[in-house]
Amino acid sequence: PYLEGRMERKLFTALQGEQAERLNDHLSKQGFRRSQNVLYRPSCA
């Protein structure tokens, strides 16, 4: 959606359970973002 003619791919994991907040804090420091109960980061080829 950002660069014309390119393809995007995302690396993601579920955000759930008792450790959800700690996981979100930890992965946000590594470039991940939250969308509902999923954490994702672009991982294009």
PDB file of all heavy atoms in Angstrom:
ATOM      1  N   PRO A   1       0.805  -1.225   0.000  1.00  0.00           N
ATOM      2  CA  PRO A   1       0.000   0.000   0.000  1.00  0.00           C
ATOM      3  C   PRO A   1       0.837   1.274   0.000  1.00  0.00           C
ATOM      4  O   PRO A   1       0.285   2.368  -0.126  1.00  0.00           O
ATOM      5  CB  PRO A   1      -0.804  -0.113   1.299  1.00  0.00           C
ATOM      6  CG  PRO A   1       0.087  -0.911   2.201  1.00  0.00           C
ATOM      7  CD  PRO A   1       0.813  -1.882   1.314  1.00  0.00           C
ATOM      8  N   TYR A   2       2.162   1.149   0.129  1.00  0.00           N
ATOM      9  CA  TYR A   2       3.015   2.322   0.265  1.00  0.00           C
ATOM     10  C   TYR A   2       3.920   2.576  -0.933  1.00  0.00           C
ATOM     11  O   TYR A   2       4.161   3.722  -1.294  1.00  0.00           O
ATOM     12  CB  TYR A   2       3.873   2.189   1.524  1.00  0.00           C
ATOM     13  CG  TYR A   2       3.060   1.967   2.771  1.00  0.00           C
ATOM     14  CD1 TYR A   2       3.222   0.818   3.536  1.00  0.00           C
ATOM     15  CD2 TYR A   2       2.113   2.899   3.181  1.00  0.00           C
ATOM     16  CE1 TYR A   2       2.472   0.602   4.677  1.00  0.00           C
ATOM     17  CE2 TYR A   2       1.361   2.697   4.320  1.00  0.00           C
ATOM     18  CZ  TYR A   2       1.539   1.545   5.065  1.00  0.00           C
ATOM     19  OH  TYR A   2       0.779   1.331   6.185  1.00  0.00           O
ATOM     20  N   LEU A   3       4.450   1.507  -1.544  1.00  0.00           N
ATOM     21  CA  LEU A   3       5.373   1.664  -2.668  1.00  0.00           C
ATOM     22  C   LEU A   3       4.813   0.944  -3.886  1.00  0.00           C
ATOM     23  O   LEU A   3       4.603  -0.274  -3.861  1.00  0.00           O
ATOM     24  CB  LEU A   3       6.751   1.110  -2.311  1.00  0.00           C
ATOM     25  CG  LEU A   3       7.471   1.807  -1.151  1.00  0.00           C
ATOM     26  CD1 LEU A   3       8.773   1.094  -0.824  1.00  0.00           C
ATOM     27  CD2 LEU A   3       7.723   3.284  -1.457  1.00  0.00           C
ATOM     28  N   GLU A   4       4.582   1.687  -4.938  1.00  0.00           N
ATOM     29  CA  GLU A   4       3.963   1.138  -6.144  1.00  0.00           C
ATOM     30  C   GLU A   4       4.847   0.069  -6.780  1.00  0.00           C
ATOM     31  O   GLU A   4       6.068   0.196  -6.850  1.00  0.00           O
ATOM     32  CB  GLU A   4       3.706   2.264  -7.149  1.00  0.00           C
ATOM     33  CG  GLU A   4       2.916   1.839  -8.370  1.00  0.00           C
ATOM     34  CD  GLU A   4       2.593   2.997  -9.287  1.00  0.00           C
ATOM     35  OE1 GLU A   4       2.901   4.151  -8.931  1.00  0.00           O
ATOM     36  OE2 GLU A   4       2.025   2.747 -10.374  1.00  0.00           O
ATOM     37  N   GLY A   5       4.207  -1.005  -7.225  1.00  0.00           N
ATOM     38  CA  GLY A   5       4.906  -2.066  -7.928  1.00  0.00           C
ATOM     39  C   GLY A   5       5.595  -3.071  -7.036  1.00  0.00           C
ATOM     40  O   GLY A   5       6.258  -3.994  -7.537  1.00  0.00           O
ATOM     41  N   ARG A   6       5.445  -2.943  -5.733  1.00  0.00           N
ATOM     42  CA  ARG A   6       6.078  -3.889  -4.813  1.00  0.00           C
ATOM     43  C   ARG A   6       5.030  -4.743  -4.112  1.00  0.00           C
ATOM     44  O   ARG A   6       3.852  -4.390  -4.071  1.00  0.00           O
ATOM     45  CB  ARG A   6       6.942  -3.149  -3.788  1.00  0.00           C
ATOM     46  CG  ARG A   6       8.153  -2.471  -4.413  1.00  0.00           C
ATOM     47  CD  ARG A   6       9.026  -1.816  -3.365  1.00  0.00           C
ATOM     48  NE  ARG A   6      10.211  -1.200  -3.959  1.00  0.00           N
ATOM     49  CZ  ARG A   6      11.364  -1.818  -4.111  1.00  0.00           C
ATOM     50  NH1 ARG A   6      11.505  -3.069  -3.717  1.00  0.00           N
ATOM     51  NH2 ARG A   6      12.383  -1.194  -4.660  1.00  0.00           N
ATOM     52  N   MET A   7       5.482  -5.850  -3.562  1.00  0.00           N
ATOM     53  CA  MET A   7       4.595  -6.752  -2.837  1.00  0.00           C
ATOM     54  C   MET A   7       4.990  -6.759  -1.361  1.00  0.00           C
ATOM     55  O   MET A   7       6.176  -6.699  -1.023  1.00  0.00           O
ATOM     56  CB  MET A   7       4.691  -8.178  -3.401  1.00  0.00           C
ATOM     57  CG  MET A   7       4.356  -8.291  -4.874  1.00  0.00           C
ATOM     58  SD  MET A   7       2.628  -7.881  -5.253  1.00  0.00           S
ATOM     59  CE  MET A   7       1.787  -9.326  -4.564  1.00  0.00           C
ATOM     60  N   GLU A   8       3.987  -6.813  -0.500  1.00  0.00           N
ATOM     61  CA  GLU A   8       4.266  -6.842   0.930  1.00  0.00           C
ATOM     62  C   GLU A   8       3.936  -8.203   1.532  1.00  0.00           C
ATOM     63  O   GLU A   8       3.108  -8.955   1.026  1.00  0.00           O
ATOM     64  CB  GLU A   8       3.479  -5.754   1.668  1.00  0.00           C
ATOM     65  CG  GLU A   8       2.014  -6.065   1.868  1.00  0.00           C
ATOM     66  CD  GLU A   8       1.381  -5.197   2.937  1.00  0.00           C
ATOM     67  OE1 GLU A   8       2.069  -4.371   3.564  1.00  0.00           O
ATOM     68  OE2 GLU A   8       0.161  -5.351   3.157  1.00  0.00           O
ATOM     69  N   ARG A   9       4.609  -8.485   2.625  1.00  0.00           N
ATOM     70  CA  ARG A   9       4.417  -9.721   3.364  1.00  0.00           C
ATOM     71  C   ARG A   9       4.639  -9.387   4.837  1.00  0.00           C
ATOM     72  O   ARG A   9       5.479  -8.544   5.161  1.00  0.00           O
ATOM     73  CB  ARG A   9       5.443 -10.753   2.883  1.00  0.00           C
ATOM     74  CG  ARG A   9       5.250 -12.176   3.342  1.00  0.00           C
ATOM     75  CD  ARG A   9       6.318 -13.070   2.740  1.00  0.00           C
ATOM     76  NE  ARG A   9       7.655 -12.647   3.151  1.00  0.00           N
ATOM     77  CZ  ARG A   9       8.752 -13.343   2.907  1.00  0.00           C
ATOM     78  NH1 ARG A   9       8.698 -14.467   2.232  1.00  0.00           N
ATOM     79  NH2 ARG A   9       9.933 -12.910   3.322  1.00  0.00           N
ATOM     80  N   LYS A  10       3.891 -10.016   5.734  1.00  0.00           N
ATOM     81  CA  LYS A  10       4.021  -9.697   7.153  1.00  0.00           C
ATOM     82  C   LYS A  10       4.364 -10.939   7.963  1.00  0.00           C
ATOM     83  O   LYS A  10       3.838 -12.024   7.703  1.00  0.00           O
ATOM     84  CB  LYS A  10       2.722  -9.082   7.692  1.00  0.00           C
ATOM     85  CG  LYS A  10       2.412  -7.688   7.176  1.00  0.00           C
ATOM     86  CD  LYS A  10       1.172  -7.134   7.869  1.00  0.00           C
ATOM     87  CE  LYS A  10       0.914  -5.680   7.471  1.00  0.00           C
ATOM     88  NZ  LYS A  10       0.448  -5.581   6.082  1.00  0.00           N
ATOM     89  N   LEU A  11       5.221 -10.739   8.946  1.00  0.00           N
ATOM     90  CA  LEU A  11       5.526 -11.742   9.952  1.00  0.00           C
ATOM     91  C   LEU A  11       4.628 -11.434  11.146  1.00  0.00           C
ATOM     92  O   LEU A  11       4.560 -10.289  11.586  1.00  0.00           O
ATOM     93  CB  LEU A  11       7.002 -11.635  10.350  1.00  0.00           C
ATOM     94  CG  LEU A  11       7.521 -12.569  11.438  1.00  0.00           C
ATOM     95  CD1 LEU A  11       7.537 -14.007  10.946  1.00  0.00           C
ATOM     96  CD2 LEU A  11       8.931 -12.121  11.852  1.00  0.00           C
ATOM     97  N   PHE A  12       3.918 -12.446  11.669  1.00  0.00           N
ATOM     98  CA  PHE A  12       2.975 -12.139  12.745  1.00  0.00           C
ATOM     99  C   PHE A  12       2.885 -13.276  13.756  1.00  0.00           C
ATOM    100  O   PHE A  12       3.271 -14.420  13.494  1.00  0.00           O
ATOM    101  CB  PHE A  12       1.590 -11.834  12.170  1.00  0.00           C
ATOM    102  CG  PHE A  12       0.872 -13.025  11.574  1.00  0.00           C
ATOM    103  CD1 PHE A  12      -0.052 -13.756  12.323  1.00  0.00           C
ATOM    104  CD2 PHE A  12       1.119 -13.419  10.267  1.00  0.00           C
ATOM    105  CE1 PHE A  12      -0.706 -14.848  11.777  1.00  0.00           C
ATOM    106  CE2 PHE A  12       0.462 -14.518   9.715  1.00  0.00           C
ATOM    107  CZ  PHE A  12      -0.458 -15.230  10.463  1.00  0.00           C
ATOM    108  N   THR A  13       2.362 -12.924  14.923  1.00  0.00           N
ATOM    109  CA  THR A  13       2.127 -13.895  15.984  1.00  0.00           C
ATOM    110  C   THR A  13       0.897 -13.470  16.773  1.00  0.00           C
ATOM    111  O   THR A  13       0.528 -12.286  16.776  1.00  0.00           O
ATOM    112  CB  THR A  13       3.349 -14.005  16.920  1.00  0.00           C
ATOM    113  OG1 THR A  13       3.158 -15.092  17.831  1.00  0.00           O
ATOM    114  CG2 THR A  13       3.568 -12.726  17.721  1.00  0.00           C
ATOM    115  N   ALA A  14       0.264 -14.407  17.436  1.00  0.00           N
ATOM    116  CA  ALA A  14      -0.934 -14.112  18.237  1.00  0.00           C
ATOM    117  C   ALA A  14      -0.531 -13.421  19.536  1.00  0.00           C
ATOM    118  O   ALA A  14       0.525 -13.692  20.109  1.00  0.00           O
ATOM    119  CB  ALA A  14      -1.688 -15.404  18.534  1.00  0.00           C
ATOM    120  N   LEU A  15      -1.402 -12.527  19.982  1.00  0.00           N
ATOM    121  CA  LEU A  15      -1.203 -11.805  21.233  1.00  0.00           C
ATOM    122  C   LEU A  15      -2.330 -12.226  22.171  1.00  0.00           C
ATOM    123  O   LEU A  15      -3.453 -11.744  22.068  1.00  0.00           O
ATOM    124  CB  LEU A  15      -1.241 -10.298  20.972  1.00  0.00           C
ATOM    125  CG  LEU A  15      -0.884  -9.369  22.122  1.00  0.00           C
ATOM    126  CD1 LEU A  15       0.546  -9.598  22.581  1.00  0.00           C
ATOM    127  CD2 LEU A  15      -1.068  -7.916  21.698  1.00  0.00           C
ATOM    128  N   GLN A  16      -2.017 -13.145  23.086  1.00  0.00           N
ATOM    129  CA  GLN A  16      -3.054 -13.719  23.927  1.00  0.00           C
ATOM    130  C   GLN A  16      -2.444 -14.299  25.200  1.00  0.00           C
ATOM    131  O   GLN A  16      -1.228 -14.467  25.299  1.00  0.00           O
ATOM    132  CB  GLN A  16      -3.793 -14.829  23.177  1.00  0.00           C
ATOM    133  CG  GLN A  16      -2.888 -15.937  22.674  1.00  0.00           C
ATOM    134  CD  GLN A  16      -3.582 -16.900  21.733  1.00  0.00           C
ATOM    135  OE1 GLN A  16      -4.793 -16.977  21.708  1.00  0.00           O
ATOM    136  NE2 GLN A  16      -2.802 -17.644  20.953  1.00  0.00           N
ATOM    137  N   GLY A  17      -3.311 -14.583  26.159  1.00  0.00           N
ATOM    138  CA  GLY A  17      -2.857 -15.218  27.383  1.00  0.00           C
ATOM    139  C   GLY A  17      -2.308 -14.240  28.404  1.00  0.00           C
ATOM    140  O   GLY A  17      -2.322 -13.012  28.224  1.00  0.00           O
ATOM    141  N   GLU A  18      -1.794 -14.785  29.506  1.00  0.00           N
ATOM    142  CA  GLU A  18      -1.332 -13.978  30.621  1.00  0.00           C
ATOM    143  C   GLU A  18      -0.115 -13.133  30.272  1.00  0.00           C
ATOM    144  O   GLU A  18       0.140 -12.104  30.905  1.00  0.00           O
ATOM    145  CB  GLU A  18      -0.998 -14.884  31.816  1.00  0.00           C
ATOM    146  CG  GLU A  18      -2.204 -15.640  32.371  1.00  0.00           C
ATOM    147  CD  GLU A  18      -1.819 -16.550  33.523  1.00  0.00           C
ATOM    148  OE1 GLU A  18      -0.604 -16.612  33.839  1.00  0.00           O
ATOM    149  OE2 GLU A  18      -2.717 -17.180  34.099  1.00  0.00           O
ATOM    150  N   GLN A  19       0.656 -13.565  29.283  1.00  0.00           N
ATOM    151  CA  GLN A  19       1.888 -12.860  28.931  1.00  0.00           C
ATOM    152  C   GLN A  19       1.701 -11.857  27.796  1.00  0.00           C
ATOM    153  O   GLN A  19       2.681 -11.331  27.265  1.00  0.00           O
ATOM    154  CB  GLN A  19       2.962 -13.877  28.531  1.00  0.00           C
ATOM    155  CG  GLN A  19       3.333 -14.860  29.624  1.00  0.00           C
ATOM    156  CD  GLN A  19       3.966 -14.189  30.831  1.00  0.00           C
ATOM    157  OE1 GLN A  19       4.664 -13.193  30.684  1.00  0.00           O
ATOM    158  NE2 GLN A  19       3.736 -14.746  32.011  1.00  0.00           N
ATOM    159  N   ALA A  20       0.443 -11.577  27.429  1.00  0.00           N
ATOM    160  CA  ALA A  20       0.196 -10.716  26.265  1.00  0.00           C
ATOM    161  C   ALA A  20       0.831  -9.342  26.416  1.00  0.00           C
ATOM    162  O   ALA A  20       1.463  -8.830  25.478  1.00  0.00           O
ATOM    163  CB  ALA A  20      -1.309 -10.587  26.033  1.00  0.00           C
ATOM    164  N   GLU A  21       0.678  -8.731  27.570  1.00  0.00           N
ATOM    165  CA  GLU A  21       1.202  -7.381  27.747  1.00  0.00           C
ATOM    166  C   GLU A  21       2.729  -7.366  27.694  1.00  0.00           C
ATOM    167  O   GLU A  21       3.333  -6.488  27.067  1.00  0.00           O
ATOM    168  CB  GLU A  21       0.715  -6.801  29.072  1.00  0.00           C
ATOM    169  CG  GLU A  21       0.900  -5.303  29.166  1.00  0.00           C
ATOM    170  CD  GLU A  21       0.018  -4.679  30.227  1.00  0.00           C
ATOM    171  OE1 GLU A  21      -1.223  -4.829  30.138  1.00  0.00           O
ATOM    172  OE2 GLU A  21       0.568  -4.041  31.142  1.00  0.00           O
ATOM    173  N   ARG A  22       3.369  -8.345  28.315  1.00  0.00           N
ATOM    174  CA  ARG A  22       4.833  -8.406  28.293  1.00  0.00           C
ATOM    175  C   ARG A  22       5.341  -8.676  26.884  1.00  0.00           C
ATOM    176  O   ARG A  22       6.356  -8.111  26.453  1.00  0.00           O
ATOM    177  CB  ARG A  22       5.324  -9.489  29.252  1.00  0.00           C
ATOM    178  CG  ARG A  22       5.073  -9.182  30.716  1.00  0.00           C
ATOM    179  CD  ARG A  22       5.590 -10.297  31.597  1.00  0.00           C
ATOM    180  NE  ARG A  22       7.043 -10.391  31.518  1.00  0.00           N
ATOM    181  CZ  ARG A  22       7.742 -11.417  32.001  1.00  0.00           C
ATOM    182  NH1 ARG A  22       7.105 -12.442  32.559  1.00  0.00           N
ATOM    183  NH2 ARG A  22       9.052 -11.433  31.915  1.00  0.00           N
ATOM    184  N   LEU A  23       4.644  -9.535  26.153  1.00  0.00           N
ATOM    185  CA  LEU A  23       5.051  -9.826  24.782  1.00  0.00           C
ATOM    186  C   LEU A  23       4.907  -8.585  23.909  1.00  0.00           C
ATOM    187  O   LEU A  23       5.786  -8.279  23.089  1.00  0.00           O
ATOM    188  CB  LEU A  23       4.214 -10.970  24.210  1.00  0.00           C
ATOM    189  CG  LEU A  23       4.593 -11.434  22.795  1.00  0.00           C
ATOM    190  CD1 LEU A  23       6.004 -12.006  22.765  1.00  0.00           C
ATOM    191  CD2 LEU A  23       3.590 -12.472  22.278  1.00  0.00           C
ATOM    192  N   ASN A  24       3.817  -7.856  24.080  1.00  0.00           N
ATOM    193  CA  ASN A  24       3.603  -6.638  23.298  1.00  0.00           C
ATOM    194  C   ASN A  24       4.690  -5.603  23.603  1.00  0.00           C
ATOM    195  O   ASN A  24       5.250  -4.986  22.694  1.00  0.00           O
ATOM    196  CB  ASN A  24       2.224  -6.060  23.600  1.00  0.00           C
ATOM    197  CG  ASN A  24       1.881  -4.880  22.708  1.00  0.00           C
ATOM    198  OD1 ASN A  24       1.912  -4.973  21.487  1.00  0.00           O
ATOM    199  ND2 ASN A  24       1.552  -3.760  23.321  1.00  0.00           N
ATOM    200  N   ASP A  25       5.003  -5.421  24.885  1.00  0.00           N
ATOM    201  CA  ASP A  25       6.065  -4.480  25.255  1.00  0.00           C
ATOM    202  C   ASP A  25       7.393  -4.890  24.616  1.00  0.00           C
ATOM    203  O   ASP A  25       8.112  -4.053  24.062  1.00  0.00           O
ATOM    204  CB  ASP A  25       6.229  -4.452  26.781  1.00  0.00           C
ATOM    205  CG  ASP A  25       5.071  -3.786  27.498  1.00  0.00           C
ATOM    206  OD1 ASP A  25       4.337  -3.018  26.844  1.00  0.00           O
ATOM    207  OD2 ASP A  25       4.901  -4.044  28.711  1.00  0.00           O
ATOM    208  N   HIS A  26       7.708  -6.172  24.704  1.00  0.00           N
ATOM    209  CA  HIS A  26       9.007  -6.671  24.248  1.00  0.00           C
ATOM    210  C   HIS A  26       9.141  -6.589  22.727  1.00  0.00           C
ATOM    211  O   HIS A  26      10.173  -6.134  22.207  1.00  0.00           O
ATOM    212  CB  HIS A  26       9.180  -8.118  24.713  1.00  0.00           C
ATOM    213  CG  HIS A  26      10.600  -8.550  24.815  1.00  0.00           C
ATOM    214  ND1 HIS A  26      11.423  -8.196  25.873  1.00  0.00           N
ATOM    215  CD2 HIS A  26      11.374  -9.319  23.996  1.00  0.00           C
ATOM    216  CE1 HIS A  26      12.621  -8.728  25.697  1.00  0.00           C
ATOM    217  NE2 HIS A  26      12.622  -9.412  24.567  1.00  0.00           N
ATOM    218  N   LEU A  27       8.116  -7.013  22.001  1.00  0.00           N
ATOM    219  CA  LEU A  27       8.215  -7.025  20.538  1.00  0.00           C
ATOM    220  C   LEU A  27       8.049  -5.632  19.939  1.00  0.00           C
ATOM    221  O   LEU A  27       8.553  -5.367  18.840  1.00  0.00           O
ATOM    222  CB  LEU A  27       7.203  -7.994  19.944  1.00  0.00           C
ATOM    223  CG  LEU A  27       7.458  -9.482  20.225  1.00  0.00           C
ATOM    224  CD1 LEU A  27       6.534 -10.358  19.384  1.00  0.00           C
ATOM    225  CD2 LEU A  27       8.914  -9.872  19.988  1.00  0.00           C
ATOM    226  N   SER A  28       7.354  -4.740  20.630  1.00  0.00           N
ATOM    227  CA  SER A  28       7.260  -3.364  20.134  1.00  0.00           C
ATOM    228  C   SER A  28       8.633  -2.729  20.051  1.00  0.00           C
ATOM    229  O   SER A  28       8.893  -1.897  19.171  1.00  0.00           O
ATOM    230  CB  SER A  28       6.351  -2.533  21.052  1.00  0.00           C
ATOM    231  OG  SER A  28       5.011  -2.966  20.962  1.00  0.00           O
ATOM    232  N   LYS A  29       9.524  -3.113  20.958  1.00  0.00           N
ATOM    233  CA  LYS A  29      10.886  -2.591  20.927  1.00  0.00           C
ATOM    234  C   LYS A  29      11.692  -3.185  19.765  1.00  0.00           C
ATOM    235  O   LYS A  29      12.820  -2.759  19.505  1.00  0.00           O
ATOM    236  CB  LYS A  29      11.596  -2.904  22.246  1.00  0.00           C
ATOM    237  CG  LYS A  29      10.945  -2.262  23.471  1.00  0.00           C
ATOM    238  CD  LYS A  29      11.712  -2.630  24.728  1.00  0.00           C
ATOM    239  CE  LYS A  29      11.092  -2.030  25.970  1.00  0.00           C
ATOM    240  NZ  LYS A  29       9.820  -2.663  26.351  1.00  0.00           N
ATOM    241  N   GLN A  30      11.123  -4.194  19.090  1.00  0.00           N
ATOM    242  CA  GLN A  30      11.797  -4.838  17.961  1.00  0.00           C
ATOM    243  C   GLN A  30      11.043  -4.601  16.650  1.00  0.00           C
ATOM    244  O   GLN A  30      11.145  -5.393  15.711  1.00  0.00           O
ATOM    245  CB  GLN A  30      11.943  -6.336  18.228  1.00  0.00           C
ATOM    246  CG  GLN A  30      12.786  -6.641  19.455  1.00  0.00           C
ATOM    247  CD  GLN A  30      12.790  -8.114  19.801  1.00  0.00           C
ATOM    248  OE1 GLN A  30      13.361  -8.940  19.088  1.00  0.00           O
ATOM    249  NE2 GLN A  30      12.124  -8.462  20.898  1.00  0.00           N
ATOM    250  N   GLY A  31      10.295  -3.517  16.611  1.00  0.00           N
ATOM    251  CA  GLY A  31       9.669  -3.110  15.361  1.00  0.00           C
ATOM    252  C   GLY A  31       8.300  -3.686  15.080  1.00  0.00           C
ATOM    253  O   GLY A  31       7.760  -3.471  13.997  1.00  0.00           O
ATOM    254  N   PHE A  32       7.713  -4.415  16.031  1.00  0.00           N
ATOM    255  CA  PHE A  32       6.376  -4.974  15.822  1.00  0.00           C
ATOM    256  C   PHE A  32       5.303  -3.951  16.171  1.00  0.00           C
ATOM    257  O   PHE A  32       5.517  -3.032  16.972  1.00  0.00           O
ATOM    258  CB  PHE A  32       6.178  -6.223  16.684  1.00  0.00           C
ATOM    259  CG  PHE A  32       6.813  -7.469  16.112  1.00  0.00           C
ATOM    260  CD1 PHE A  32       8.173  -7.699  16.240  1.00  0.00           C
ATOM    261  CD2 PHE A  32       6.045  -8.418  15.434  1.00  0.00           C
ATOM    262  CE1 PHE A  32       8.768  -8.843  15.725  1.00  0.00           C
ATOM    263  CE2 PHE A  32       6.628  -9.564  14.915  1.00  0.00           C
ATOM    264  CZ  PHE A  32       7.992  -9.776  15.057  1.00  0.00           C
ATOM    265  N   ARG A  33       4.125  -4.149  15.584  1.00  0.00           N
ATOM    266  CA  ARG A  33       2.958  -3.320  15.852  1.00  0.00           C
ATOM    267  C   ARG A  33       1.778  -4.221  16.187  1.00  0.00           C
ATOM    268  O   ARG A  33       1.735  -5.383  15.776  1.00  0.00           O
ATOM    269  CB  ARG A  33       2.603  -2.479  14.612  1.00  0.00           C
ATOM    270  CG  ARG A  33       3.656  -1.483  14.211  1.00  0.00           C
ATOM    271  CD  ARG A  33       3.610  -0.249  15.071  1.00  0.00           C
ATOM    272  NE  ARG A  33       2.405   0.521  14.828  1.00  0.00           N
ATOM    273  CZ  ARG A  33       1.992   1.527  15.620  1.00  0.00           C
ATOM    274  NH1 ARG A  33       2.667   1.821  16.711  1.00  0.00           N
ATOM    275  NH2 ARG A  33       0.899   2.202  15.326  1.00  0.00           N
ATOM    276  N   ARG A  34       0.813  -3.656  16.937  1.00  0.00           N
ATOM    277  CA  ARG A  34      -0.371  -4.432  17.293  1.00  0.00           C
ATOM    278  C   ARG A  34      -1.551  -4.089  16.401  1.00  0.00           C
ATOM    279  O   ARG A  34      -1.801  -2.925  16.099  1.00  0.00           O
ATOM    280  CB  ARG A  34      -0.778  -4.172  18.749  1.00  0.00           C
ATOM    281  CG  ARG A  34      -1.966  -5.039  19.200  1.00  0.00           C
ATOM    282  CD  ARG A  34      -2.404  -4.676  20.606  1.00  0.00           C
ATOM    283  NE  ARG A  34      -3.070  -3.377  20.654  1.00  0.00           N
ATOM    284  CZ  ARG A  34      -4.376  -3.187  20.399  1.00  0.00           C
ATOM    285  NH1 ARG A  34      -5.147  -4.205  20.044  1.00  0.00           N
ATOM    286  NH2 ARG A  34      -4.893  -1.978  20.484  1.00  0.00           N
ATOM    287  N   SER A  35      -2.303  -5.118  16.002  1.00  0.00           N
ATOM    288  CA  SER A  35      -3.600  -4.955  15.347  1.00  0.00           C
ATOM    289  C   SER A  35      -4.542  -5.959  16.006  1.00  0.00           C
ATOM    290  O   SER A  35      -4.410  -7.174  15.793  1.00  0.00           O
ATOM    291  CB  SER A  35      -3.500  -5.217  13.840  1.00  0.00           C
ATOM    292  OG  SER A  35      -4.785  -5.134  13.230  1.00  0.00           O
ATOM    293  N   GLN A  36      -5.454  -5.448  16.851  1.00  0.00           N
ATOM    294  CA  GLN A  36      -6.333  -6.302  17.650  1.00  0.00           C
ATOM    295  C   GLN A  36      -5.493  -7.287  18.473  1.00  0.00           C
ATOM    296  O   GLN A  36      -4.651  -6.859  19.252  1.00  0.00           O
ATOM    297  CB  GLN A  36      -7.371  -6.973  16.755  1.00  0.00           C
ATOM    298  CG  GLN A  36      -8.330  -5.960  16.109  1.00  0.00           C
ATOM    299  CD  GLN A  36      -9.249  -6.548  15.080  1.00  0.00           C
ATOM    300  OE1 GLN A  36      -9.264  -6.105  13.935  1.00  0.00           O
ATOM    301  NE2 GLN A  36     -10.024  -7.549  15.439  1.00  0.00           N
ATOM    302  N   ASN A  37      -5.672  -8.583  18.290  1.00  0.00           N
ATOM    303  CA  ASN A  37      -4.920  -9.550  19.096  1.00  0.00           C
ATOM    304  C   ASN A  37      -3.782 -10.203  18.299  1.00  0.00           C
ATOM    305  O   ASN A  37      -3.458 -11.368  18.504  1.00  0.00           O
ATOM    306  CB  ASN A  37      -5.859 -10.621  19.661  1.00  0.00           C
ATOM    307  CG  ASN A  37      -6.623 -11.343  18.566  1.00  0.00           C
ATOM    308  OD1 ASN A  37      -6.456 -11.042  17.380  1.00  0.00           O
ATOM    309  ND2 ASN A  37      -7.443 -12.297  18.943  1.00  0.00           N
ATOM    310  N   VAL A  38      -3.190  -9.408  17.406  1.00  0.00           N
ATOM    311  CA  VAL A  38      -2.080  -9.885  16.578  1.00  0.00           C
ATOM    312  C   VAL A  38      -0.941  -8.865  16.645  1.00  0.00           C
ATOM    313  O   VAL A  38      -1.171  -7.655  16.621  1.00  0.00           O
ATOM    314  CB  VAL A  38      -2.520 -10.083  15.111  1.00  0.00           C
ATOM    315  CG1 VAL A  38      -1.322 -10.313  14.203  1.00  0.00           C
ATOM    316  CG2 VAL A  38      -3.497 -11.241  15.005  1.00  0.00           C
ATOM    317  N   LEU A  39       0.286  -9.361  16.738  1.00  0.00           N
ATOM    318  CA  LEU A  39       1.473  -8.536  16.582  1.00  0.00           C
ATOM    319  C   LEU A  39       2.093  -8.847  15.225  1.00  0.00           C
ATOM    320  O   LEU A  39       2.221 -10.022  14.867  1.00  0.00           O
ATOM    321  CB  LEU A  39       2.490  -8.826  17.685  1.00  0.00           C
ATOM    322  CG  LEU A  39       2.189  -8.251  19.067  1.00  0.00           C
ATOM    323  CD1 LEU A  39       3.184  -8.783  20.074  1.00  0.00           C
ATOM    324  CD2 LEU A  39       2.227  -6.734  19.035  1.00  0.00           C
ATOM    325  N   TYR A  40       2.481  -7.815  14.469  1.00  0.00           N
ATOM    326  CA  TYR A  40       3.016  -8.050  13.135  1.00  0.00           C
ATOM    327  C   TYR A  40       4.181  -7.111  12.854  1.00  0.00           C
ATOM    328  O   TYR A  40       4.348  -6.068  13.493  1.00  0.00           O
ATOM    329  CB  TYR A  40       1.928  -7.858  12.079  1.00  0.00           C
ATOM    330  CG  TYR A  40       1.499  -6.408  11.913  1.00  0.00           C
ATOM    331  CD1 TYR A  40       2.093  -5.589  10.956  1.00  0.00           C
ATOM    332  CD2 TYR A  40       0.508  -5.858  12.722  1.00  0.00           C
ATOM    333  CE1 TYR A  40       1.721  -4.266  10.807  1.00  0.00           C
ATOM    334  CE2 TYR A  40       0.131  -4.533  12.589  1.00  0.00           C
ATOM    335  CZ  TYR A  40       0.736  -3.742  11.632  1.00  0.00           C
ATOM    336  OH  TYR A  40       0.380  -2.427  11.503  1.00  0.00           O
ATOM    337  N   ARG A  41       4.977  -7.515  11.877  1.00  0.00           N
ATOM    338  CA  ARG A  41       6.093  -6.701  11.397  1.00  0.00           C
ATOM    339  C   ARG A  41       6.282  -7.001   9.915  1.00  0.00           C
ATOM    340  O   ARG A  41       6.219  -8.167   9.511  1.00  0.00           O
ATOM    341  CB  ARG A  41       7.362  -7.051  12.167  1.00  0.00           C
ATOM    342  CG  ARG A  41       8.543  -6.125  11.915  1.00  0.00           C
ATOM    343  CD  ARG A  41       9.712  -6.469  12.835  1.00  0.00           C
ATOM    344  NE  ARG A  41      10.396  -7.699  12.437  1.00  0.00           N
ATOM    345  CZ  ARG A  41      11.419  -8.234  13.110  1.00  0.00           C
ATOM    346  NH1 ARG A  41      11.845  -7.654  14.224  1.00  0.00           N
ATOM    347  NH2 ARG A  41      12.005  -9.331  12.674  1.00  0.00           N
ATOM    348  N   PRO A  42       6.473  -5.992   9.061  1.00  0.00           N
ATOM    349  CA  PRO A  42       6.714  -6.268   7.641  1.00  0.00           C
ATOM    350  C   PRO A  42       7.892  -7.201   7.448  1.00  0.00           C
ATOM    351  O   PRO A  42       8.918  -7.092   8.126  1.00  0.00           O
ATOM    352  CB  PRO A  42       7.002  -4.881   7.061  1.00  0.00           C
ATOM    353  CG  PRO A  42       6.292  -3.942   7.970  1.00  0.00           C
ATOM    354  CD  PRO A  42       6.419  -4.545   9.338  1.00  0.00           C
ATOM    355  N   SER A  43       7.748  -8.149   6.527  1.00  0.00           N
ATOM    356  CA  SER A  43       8.805  -9.120   6.233  1.00  0.00           C
ATOM    357  C   SER A  43       8.765  -9.427   4.741  1.00  0.00           C
ATOM    358  O   SER A  43       8.465 -10.538   4.327  1.00  0.00           O
ATOM    359  CB  SER A  43       8.598 -10.389   7.062  1.00  0.00           C
ATOM    360  OG  SER A  43       9.573 -11.347   6.764  1.00  0.00           O
ATOM    361  N   CYS A  44       9.059  -8.412   3.949  1.00  0.00           N
ATOM    362  CA  CYS A  44       8.925  -8.542   2.500  1.00  0.00           C
ATOM    363  C   CYS A  44      10.144  -9.239   1.899  1.00  0.00           C
ATOM    364  O   CYS A  44      11.240  -9.212   2.456  1.00  0.00           O
ATOM    365  CB  CYS A  44       8.724  -7.167   1.873  1.00  0.00           C
ATOM    366  SG  CYS A  44       7.309  -6.275   2.579  1.00  0.00           S
ATOM    367  N   ALA A  45       9.934  -9.849   0.733  1.00  0.00           N
ATOM    368  CA  ALA A  45      10.988 -10.660   0.118  1.00  0.00           C
ATOM    369  C   ALA A  45      12.102  -9.828  -0.497  1.00  0.00           C
ATOM    370  O   ALA A  45      13.254 -10.269  -0.544  1.00  0.00           O
ATOM    371  CB  ALA A  45      10.371 -11.573  -0.948  1.00  0.00           C
TER     372      ALA A  45
END
